[in-house]
Amino acid sequence: MKIYLAAPVFSQQERQYNRRLAKKLTTLLPRSEVILPQDFRTAGASFNDRRYLEAIFRQCAAALKATDIVVALLDGADADSGVAYEVGFARAMGKSVLGVRTDYRQSQEKGLNMMLAHGCTNVVCQMSFNENLDDLAAAIVEHIEKLAPKVKGLL
């Protein structure tokens, strides 16, 4: 199964967290591949090299089209705009999207803008001070397994 991890990628802390979560998901779902868009680059270009942004966008869109499920990290006072776009893009293609919210700040519903809360197929909410990434990864896998029949019988 191909899992696209839609997540903020702008700080070293965010990218390291994404990589650790992807590794835990791959360990718990050994027949899966977690796609990290933060790894998309064009011939040594950096993320902020404007000459390559269109190419990176195309890589992300192609990966979303080829993926089986999207796991979207939706923390923050307002979810990352790129992640919100990826959620909408995936849902428009009929893909399952599992939103993940650990930020305890409240918004309209499940701590999210209602378009994201209802745009996701399901949302994992762990709005607490539990910082154990293993617990979060296990909850994500549990929800992926529930969505798996909708994802072409994968797992």
C-alpha atoms as a PDB file:
ATOM      1  CA  MET A   1       0.000   0.000   0.000  1.00  0.00           C
ATOM      2  CA  LYS A   2       1.245   3.487  -0.829  1.00  0.00           C
ATOM      3  CA  ILE A   3       0.655   6.058   1.901  1.00  0.00           C
ATOM      4  CA  TYR A   4       1.225   9.726   1.087  1.00  0.00           C
ATOM      5  CA  LEU A   5       2.185  11.665   4.219  1.00  0.00           C
ATOM      6  CA  ALA A   6       0.845  15.188   3.723  1.00  0.00           C
ATOM      7  CA  ALA A   7       2.565  17.344   6.326  1.00  0.00           C
ATOM      8  CA  PRO A   8       4.243  20.700   6.818  1.00  0.00           C
ATOM      9  CA  VAL A   9       7.864  20.634   5.618  1.00  0.00           C
ATOM     10  CA  PHE A  10       9.181  24.105   6.368  1.00  0.00           C
ATOM     11  CA  SER A  11      11.355  23.500   9.408  1.00  0.00           C
ATOM     12  CA  GLN A  12      13.977  20.952  10.283  1.00  0.00           C
ATOM     13  CA  GLN A  13      11.797  19.950  13.239  1.00  0.00           C
ATOM     14  CA  GLU A  14       8.787  19.277  10.964  1.00  0.00           C
ATOM     15  CA  ARG A  15      10.820  17.248   8.477  1.00  0.00           C
ATOM     16  CA  GLN A  16      12.446  15.167  11.225  1.00  0.00           C
ATOM     17  CA  TYR A  17       9.039  14.475  12.806  1.00  0.00           C
ATOM     18  CA  ASN A  18       7.600  13.456   9.427  1.00  0.00           C
ATOM     19  CA  ARG A  19      10.495  11.061   8.844  1.00  0.00           C
ATOM     20  CA  ARG A  20      10.157   9.486  12.311  1.00  0.00           C
ATOM     21  CA  LEU A  21       6.403   9.019  11.865  1.00  0.00           C
ATOM     22  CA  ALA A  22       6.884   7.543   8.379  1.00  0.00           C
ATOM     23  CA  LYS A  23       9.421   5.064   9.753  1.00  0.00           C
ATOM     24  CA  LYS A  24       7.051   3.979  12.529  1.00  0.00           C
ATOM     25  CA  LEU A  25       4.178   3.533  10.059  1.00  0.00           C
ATOM     26  CA  THR A  26       6.378   1.466   7.755  1.00  0.00           C
ATOM     27  CA  THR A  27       7.428  -0.699  10.707  1.00  0.00           C
ATOM     28  CA  LEU A  28       3.797  -1.290  11.721  1.00  0.00           C
ATOM     29  CA  LEU A  29       2.670  -1.791   8.104  1.00  0.00           C
ATOM     30  CA  PRO A  30       5.665  -3.599   6.570  1.00  0.00           C
ATOM     31  CA  ARG A  31       4.001  -4.108   3.182  1.00  0.00           C
ATOM     32  CA  SER A  32       3.485  -0.387   2.804  1.00  0.00           C
ATOM     33  CA  GLU A  33       5.505   2.475   1.397  1.00  0.00           C
ATOM     34  CA  VAL A  34       5.223   5.912   2.976  1.00  0.00           C
ATOM     35  CA  ILE A  35       5.775   8.691   0.474  1.00  0.00           C
ATOM     36  CA  LEU A  36       7.370  11.809   1.926  1.00  0.00           C
ATOM     37  CA  PRO A  37       6.910  14.800  -0.398  1.00  0.00           C
ATOM     38  CA  GLN A  38       9.734  16.538   1.475  1.00  0.00           C
ATOM     39  CA  ASP A  39      12.064  14.203  -0.432  1.00  0.00           C
ATOM     40  CA  PHE A  40      10.911  15.474  -3.832  1.00  0.00           C
ATOM     41  CA  ARG A  41      13.657  17.520  -5.419  1.00  0.00           C
ATOM     42  CA  THR A  42      14.934  18.194  -8.879  1.00  0.00           C
ATOM     43  CA  ALA A  43      18.617  17.550  -9.537  1.00  0.00           C
ATOM     44  CA  GLY A  44      19.991  18.877  -6.266  1.00  0.00           C
ATOM     45  CA  ALA A  45      17.679  21.886  -6.090  1.00  0.00           C
ATOM     46  CA  SER A  46      16.657  23.224  -2.706  1.00  0.00           C
ATOM     47  CA  PHE A  47      13.013  23.593  -1.682  1.00  0.00           C
ATOM     48  CA  ASN A  48      13.103  27.342  -1.937  1.00  0.00           C
ATOM     49  CA  ASP A  49      14.669  27.520  -5.408  1.00  0.00           C
ATOM     50  CA  ARG A  50      11.788  29.073  -7.317  1.00  0.00           C
ATOM     51  CA  ARG A  51      12.989  27.639 -10.639  1.00  0.00           C
ATOM     52  CA  TYR A  52      11.960  24.152  -9.506  1.00  0.00           C
ATOM     53  CA  LEU A  53       8.693  24.762  -7.653  1.00  0.00           C
ATOM     54  CA  GLU A  54       6.530  23.751 -10.627  1.00  0.00           C
ATOM     55  CA  ALA A  55       8.465  20.482 -10.989  1.00  0.00           C
ATOM     56  CA  ILE A  56       8.050  19.719  -7.276  1.00  0.00           C
ATOM     57  CA  PHE A  57       4.329  20.511  -7.551  1.00  0.00           C
ATOM     58  CA  ARG A  58       4.047  18.030 -10.442  1.00  0.00           C
ATOM     59  CA  GLN A  59       5.887  15.368  -8.396  1.00  0.00           C
ATOM     60  CA  CYS A  60       3.464  15.866  -5.512  1.00  0.00           C
ATOM     61  CA  ALA A  61       0.418  15.682  -7.804  1.00  0.00           C
ATOM     62  CA  ALA A  62       1.719  12.512  -9.499  1.00  0.00           C
ATOM     63  CA  ALA A  63       2.406  10.899  -6.111  1.00  0.00           C
ATOM     64  CA  LEU A  64      -1.083  11.799  -4.894  1.00  0.00           C
ATOM     65  CA  LYS A  65      -2.579  10.216  -8.011  1.00  0.00           C
ATOM     66  CA  ALA A  66      -0.541   7.026  -7.484  1.00  0.00           C
ATOM     67  CA  THR A  67      -1.157   6.695  -3.747  1.00  0.00           C
ATOM     68  CA  ASP A  68      -3.714   4.502  -2.043  1.00  0.00           C
ATOM     69  CA  ILE A  69      -4.341   6.616   1.051  1.00  0.00           C
ATOM     70  CA  VAL A  70      -3.313  10.021   2.324  1.00  0.00           C
ATOM     71  CA  VAL A  71      -2.380  10.602   5.964  1.00  0.00           C
ATOM     72  CA  ALA A  72      -2.636  14.360   6.575  1.00  0.00           C
ATOM     73  CA  LEU A  73      -1.063  16.028   9.611  1.00  0.00           C
ATOM     74  CA  LEU A  74      -3.454  18.821  10.546  1.00  0.00           C
ATOM     75  CA  ASP A  75      -1.878  20.415  13.606  1.00  0.00           C
ATOM     76  CA  GLY A  76      -1.521  24.118  14.185  1.00  0.00           C
ATOM     77  CA  ALA A  77      -3.904  26.975  14.816  1.00  0.00           C
ATOM     78  CA  ASP A  78      -4.902  26.457  11.182  1.00  0.00           C
ATOM     79  CA  ALA A  79      -3.757  23.480   9.122  1.00  0.00           C
ATOM     80  CA  ASP A  80      -0.880  24.048   6.696  1.00  0.00           C
ATOM     81  CA  SER A  81      -2.229  25.410   3.397  1.00  0.00           C
ATOM     82  CA  GLY A  82      -0.265  22.893   1.314  1.00  0.00           C
ATOM     83  CA  VAL A  83      -1.638  20.012   3.365  1.00  0.00           C
ATOM     84  CA  ALA A  84      -5.159  21.429   3.013  1.00  0.00           C
ATOM     85  CA  TYR A  85      -4.670  21.500  -0.771  1.00  0.00           C
ATOM     86  CA  GLU A  86      -3.396  17.897  -0.772  1.00  0.00           C
ATOM     87  CA  VAL A  87      -6.462  16.796   1.235  1.00  0.00           C
ATOM     88  CA  GLY A  88      -8.803  18.441  -1.262  1.00  0.00           C
ATOM     89  CA  PHE A  89      -6.876  17.125  -4.273  1.00  0.00           C
ATOM     90  CA  ALA A  90      -6.939  13.562  -2.916  1.00  0.00           C
ATOM     91  CA  ARG A  91     -10.623  13.674  -2.001  1.00  0.00           C
ATOM     92  CA  ALA A  92     -11.488  15.059  -5.449  1.00  0.00           C
ATOM     93  CA  MET A  93      -9.862  11.919  -6.873  1.00  0.00           C
ATOM     94  CA  GLY A  94     -11.895   9.710  -4.527  1.00  0.00           C
ATOM     95  CA  LYS A  95      -8.929   8.792  -2.321  1.00  0.00           C
ATOM     96  CA  SER A  96      -9.302   8.018   1.384  1.00  0.00           C
ATOM     97  CA  VAL A  97      -7.763  10.683   3.606  1.00  0.00           C
ATOM     98  CA  LEU A  98      -6.960  10.110   7.258  1.00  0.00           C
ATOM     99  CA  GLY A  99      -6.560  13.403   9.076  1.00  0.00           C
ATOM    100  CA  VAL A 100      -4.356  13.424  12.175  1.00  0.00           C
ATOM    101  CA  ARG A 101      -4.792  16.043  14.873  1.00  0.00           C
ATOM    102  CA  THR A 102      -2.696  16.171  18.060  1.00  0.00           C
ATOM    103  CA  ASP A 103      -2.968  19.917  18.635  1.00  0.00           C
ATOM    104  CA  TYR A 104      -5.427  20.492  21.485  1.00  0.00           C
ATOM    105  CA  ARG A 105      -6.548  23.934  20.273  1.00  0.00           C
ATOM    106  CA  GLN A 106     -10.179  23.879  19.266  1.00  0.00           C
ATOM    107  CA  SER A 107     -11.699  25.179  16.059  1.00  0.00           C
ATOM    108  CA  GLN A 108     -15.030  24.418  14.433  1.00  0.00           C
ATOM    109  CA  GLU A 109     -15.013  20.629  14.661  1.00  0.00           C
ATOM    110  CA  LYS A 110     -12.377  18.145  15.888  1.00  0.00           C
ATOM    111  CA  GLY A 111     -10.088  21.160  16.239  1.00  0.00           C
ATOM    112  CA  LEU A 112     -10.317  21.752  12.476  1.00  0.00           C
ATOM    113  CA  ASN A 113     -11.953  24.014   9.974  1.00  0.00           C
ATOM    114  CA  MET A 114     -15.180  22.246   8.991  1.00  0.00           C
ATOM    115  CA  MET A 115     -13.997  21.805   5.382  1.00  0.00           C
ATOM    116  CA  LEU A 116     -11.038  19.729   6.597  1.00  0.00           C
ATOM    117  CA  ALA A 117     -13.029  17.934   9.297  1.00  0.00           C
ATOM    118  CA  HIS A 118     -15.524  16.781   6.675  1.00  0.00           C
ATOM    119  CA  GLY A 119     -13.025  16.629   3.817  1.00  0.00           C
ATOM    120  CA  CYS A 120     -11.136  13.825   5.521  1.00  0.00           C
ATOM    121  CA  THR A 121     -12.551  10.317   5.328  1.00  0.00           C
ATOM    122  CA  ASN A 122     -11.733   9.974   9.026  1.00  0.00           C
ATOM    123  CA  VAL A 123      -9.795  11.942  11.638  1.00  0.00           C
ATOM    124  CA  VAL A 124      -7.534  10.585  14.386  1.00  0.00           C
ATOM    125  CA  CYS A 125      -7.712  12.973  17.331  1.00  0.00           C
ATOM    126  CA  GLN A 126      -5.132  12.622  20.069  1.00  0.00           C
ATOM    127  CA  MET A 127      -5.491  16.044  21.606  1.00  0.00           C
ATOM    128  CA  SER A 128      -3.493  15.479  24.763  1.00  0.00           C
ATOM    129  CA  PHE A 129      -0.012  15.847  26.110  1.00  0.00           C
ATOM    130  CA  ASN A 130       0.830  12.229  25.222  1.00  0.00           C
ATOM    131  CA  GLU A 131       4.101  12.650  23.329  1.00  0.00           C
ATOM    132  CA  ASN A 132       4.593   8.952  22.614  1.00  0.00           C
ATOM    133  CA  LEU A 133       4.919   8.684  18.833  1.00  0.00           C
ATOM    134  CA  ASP A 134       4.412   4.905  19.043  1.00  0.00           C
ATOM    135  CA  ASP A 135       0.907   5.466  20.461  1.00  0.00           C
ATOM    136  CA  LEU A 136       0.059   7.903  17.686  1.00  0.00           C
ATOM    137  CA  ALA A 137       1.446   5.598  14.975  1.00  0.00           C
ATOM    138  CA  ALA A 138      -0.599   2.688  16.377  1.00  0.00           C
ATOM    139  CA  ALA A 139      -3.770   4.811  16.314  1.00  0.00           C
ATOM    140  CA  ILE A 140      -3.054   5.851  12.721  1.00  0.00           C
ATOM    141  CA  VAL A 141      -2.493   2.226  11.667  1.00  0.00           C
ATOM    142  CA  GLU A 142      -5.735   1.181  13.378  1.00  0.00           C
ATOM    143  CA  HIS A 143      -7.626   3.753  11.319  1.00  0.00           C
ATOM    144  CA  ILE A 144      -5.771   2.824   8.112  1.00  0.00           C
ATOM    145  CA  GLU A 145      -6.782  -0.800   8.648  1.00  0.00           C
ATOM    146  CA  LYS A 146     -10.415   0.290   8.995  1.00  0.00           C
ATOM    147  CA  LEU A 147     -10.125   2.269   5.764  1.00  0.00           C
ATOM    148  CA  ALA A 148      -8.246  -0.507   3.945  1.00  0.00           C
ATOM    149  CA  PRO A 149     -11.368  -2.168   2.477  1.00  0.00           C
ATOM    150  CA  LYS A 150     -12.155   1.180   0.869  1.00  0.00           C
ATOM    151  CA  VAL A 151      -8.584   1.307  -0.406  1.00  0.00           C
ATOM    152  CA  LYS A 152      -8.839  -1.509  -2.950  1.00  0.00           C
ATOM    153  CA  GLY A 153      -8.632  -4.255  -0.286  1.00  0.00           C
ATOM    154  CA  LEU A 154      -5.003  -3.438   0.516  1.00  0.00           C
ATOM    155  CA  LEU A 155      -3.010  -4.514   3.578  1.00  0.00           C
END
